Amino acid sequence: MPHVPPIILVSACLVGIACRYDGKIKTNPDCRQEIDRLGAIWIPFCPEQLGGLSTPREAADIVDGDGNDVLSGQARVINRNGVDVTNAFCLGAEQVLAIAGQQAVCAVFLKARSPSCAVSSPMGVTAAILARHGYQLREF
């Protein structure tokens, strides 16, 4: 049987796509090395863009909780101008989940310190929805 490479979803900003809130490119060399080491097929995504936000955009933070709290309606995502962008973050997270469901994804590589993608505290909205559905998450 032929070798089938693993499929990994990866935060687009980690692989050099200019989708960060500030529009800058900040490739993560450790992430790229891990993708190469695994010989993986990788699918880039940006949940904030998928949710309808532009690049560049105002930085945002989760207020009164984490991504799980946002998904359950107990916390909000507010940008630096005080605008509530919760719906965009939730829509983007749902879009990433849909992409993951259409592929044989073995892992999701996510951007640390992001209100969408952070795995560690506080967990982001996209990380939370993926964790709820059993995906293996790794933070870079």
Protein backbone atom coordinates (compact mmCIF):
# COMPACT_ATOMS: atom_id res chain seq x y z
CA MET A 1 0.00 0.00 0.00
CA PRO A 2 1.43 3.43 -0.91
CA HIS A 3 2.44 5.86 1.80
CA VAL A 4 -0.24 8.46 2.43
CA PRO A 5 1.20 11.64 3.96
CA PRO A 6 -0.56 13.06 7.01
CA ILE A 7 -2.83 16.06 6.52
CA ILE A 8 -2.34 18.98 8.88
CA LEU A 9 -4.36 22.15 9.14
CA VAL A 10 -2.07 25.05 9.98
CA SER A 11 -2.63 28.66 10.99
CA ALA A 12 -1.75 30.50 7.79
CA CYS A 13 0.33 33.10 9.62
CA LEU A 14 2.72 30.36 10.80
CA VAL A 15 3.66 29.46 7.23
CA GLY A 16 4.27 32.97 5.94
CA ILE A 17 0.89 34.06 4.66
CA ALA A 18 0.23 37.73 5.45
CA CYS A 19 -3.01 37.32 7.37
CA ARG A 20 -2.00 38.50 10.85
CA TYR A 21 -4.02 41.32 12.38
CA ASP A 22 -1.18 43.74 11.55
CA GLY A 23 -0.71 42.41 8.02
CA LYS A 24 2.89 41.40 8.71
CA ILE A 25 4.55 38.14 7.77
CA LYS A 26 6.04 36.20 10.68
CA THR A 27 6.76 32.68 9.53
CA ASN A 28 7.40 30.24 12.37
CA PRO A 29 10.50 28.19 11.48
CA ASP A 30 9.74 25.50 14.10
CA CYS A 31 6.30 24.94 12.57
CA ARG A 32 7.71 24.73 9.04
CA GLN A 33 10.39 22.26 10.21
CA GLU A 34 7.78 20.06 11.89
CA ILE A 35 5.63 20.02 8.75
CA ASP A 36 8.69 19.05 6.70
CA ARG A 37 9.75 16.41 9.25
CA LEU A 38 6.32 14.81 9.07
CA GLY A 39 6.23 14.97 5.28
CA ALA A 40 2.74 16.36 5.72
CA ILE A 41 0.27 17.84 3.34
CA TRP A 42 -0.68 21.14 4.94
CA ILE A 43 -3.77 23.24 4.52
CA PRO A 44 -3.41 26.86 5.67
CA PHE A 45 -6.32 28.73 7.22
CA CYS A 46 -7.04 32.01 8.98
CA PRO A 47 -10.20 31.85 11.08
CA GLU A 48 -10.40 35.62 11.42
CA GLN A 49 -10.42 36.07 7.65
CA LEU A 50 -12.85 33.16 7.26
CA GLY A 51 -15.10 34.97 9.72
CA GLY A 52 -15.13 38.05 7.49
CA LEU A 53 -12.48 40.26 9.11
CA SER A 54 -10.01 42.12 6.94
CA THR A 55 -6.23 42.15 6.96
CA PRO A 56 -4.96 44.29 8.48
CA ARG A 57 -7.52 44.63 11.31
CA GLU A 58 -7.57 45.91 14.85
CA ALA A 59 -6.08 43.52 17.40
CA ALA A 60 -8.68 41.80 19.56
CA ASP A 61 -8.84 39.99 22.88
CA ILE A 62 -11.25 37.67 24.63
CA VAL A 63 -12.96 39.44 27.52
CA ASP A 64 -14.30 37.61 30.60
CA GLY A 65 -13.14 34.10 29.77
CA ASP A 66 -11.59 31.97 27.04
CA GLY A 67 -12.61 30.45 23.72
CA ASN A 68 -14.88 27.90 25.39
CA ASP A 69 -16.66 30.73 27.18
CA VAL A 70 -17.05 32.61 23.89
CA LEU A 71 -18.57 29.54 22.24
CA SER A 72 -21.04 29.15 25.12
CA GLY A 73 -22.01 32.84 25.03
CA GLN A 74 -20.37 33.68 28.38
CA ALA A 75 -17.49 35.82 27.00
CA ARG A 76 -16.94 38.19 24.07
CA VAL A 77 -14.15 39.09 21.66
CA ILE A 78 -13.56 42.83 21.59
CA ASN A 79 -11.09 44.69 19.39
CA ARG A 80 -8.90 47.60 20.51
CA ASN A 81 -11.50 50.10 19.30
CA GLY A 82 -14.10 48.51 21.58
CA VAL A 83 -15.97 46.84 18.72
CA ASP A 84 -17.49 43.44 19.48
CA VAL A 85 -16.14 40.98 16.89
CA THR A 86 -17.40 37.84 18.63
CA ASN A 87 -19.64 36.77 15.75
CA ALA A 88 -16.76 36.95 13.26
CA PHE A 89 -14.53 34.86 15.53
CA CYS A 90 -17.26 32.24 16.03
CA LEU A 91 -18.05 32.09 12.31
CA GLY A 92 -14.37 31.68 11.48
CA ALA A 93 -14.02 28.89 14.04
CA GLU A 94 -17.02 27.10 12.53
CA GLN A 95 -15.53 27.45 9.04
CA VAL A 96 -12.23 25.90 10.19
CA LEU A 97 -14.15 23.05 11.81
CA ALA A 98 -15.97 22.47 8.53
CA ILE A 99 -12.67 22.36 6.61
CA ALA A 100 -11.26 19.90 9.15
CA GLY A 101 -14.35 17.72 8.76
CA GLN A 102 -13.83 17.49 5.01
CA GLN A 103 -10.27 16.18 5.31
CA ALA A 104 -8.54 13.29 7.06
CA VAL A 105 -6.81 15.71 9.43
CA CYS A 106 -4.35 14.16 11.88
CA ALA A 107 -3.41 17.40 13.67
CA VAL A 108 -3.92 21.15 13.70
CA PHE A 109 -0.95 23.48 14.17
CA LEU A 110 -2.07 26.75 15.77
CA LYS A 111 -0.62 30.20 16.51
CA ALA A 112 0.19 30.85 20.17
CA ARG A 113 -1.11 33.96 21.92
CA SER A 114 -4.01 34.41 19.49
CA PRO A 115 -7.65 35.00 20.48
CA SER A 116 -8.54 32.59 17.69
CA CYS A 117 -5.83 29.97 17.77
CA ALA A 118 -4.06 29.86 21.14
CA VAL A 119 -4.09 26.44 22.74
CA SER A 120 -2.66 27.50 26.09
CA SER A 121 -4.30 29.93 28.45
CA PRO A 122 -6.41 31.63 27.43
CA MET A 123 -7.52 29.16 24.77
CA GLY A 124 -8.73 30.81 21.57
CA VAL A 125 -12.13 30.38 19.95
CA THR A 126 -10.96 28.19 17.04
CA ALA A 127 -8.76 26.07 19.29
CA ALA A 128 -11.72 25.54 21.62
CA ILE A 129 -14.11 24.36 18.91
CA LEU A 130 -11.48 22.01 17.47
CA ALA A 131 -10.66 20.62 20.92
CA ARG A 132 -14.37 20.01 21.56
CA HIS A 133 -14.43 17.87 18.43
CA GLY A 134 -11.38 15.82 19.38
CA TYR A 135 -8.73 17.21 17.05
CA GLN A 136 -5.09 16.97 18.11
CA LEU A 137 -3.84 20.51 18.62
CA ARG A 138 -0.29 21.80 18.70
CA GLU A 139 0.72 25.37 19.41
CA PHE A 140 3.63 27.26 17.84
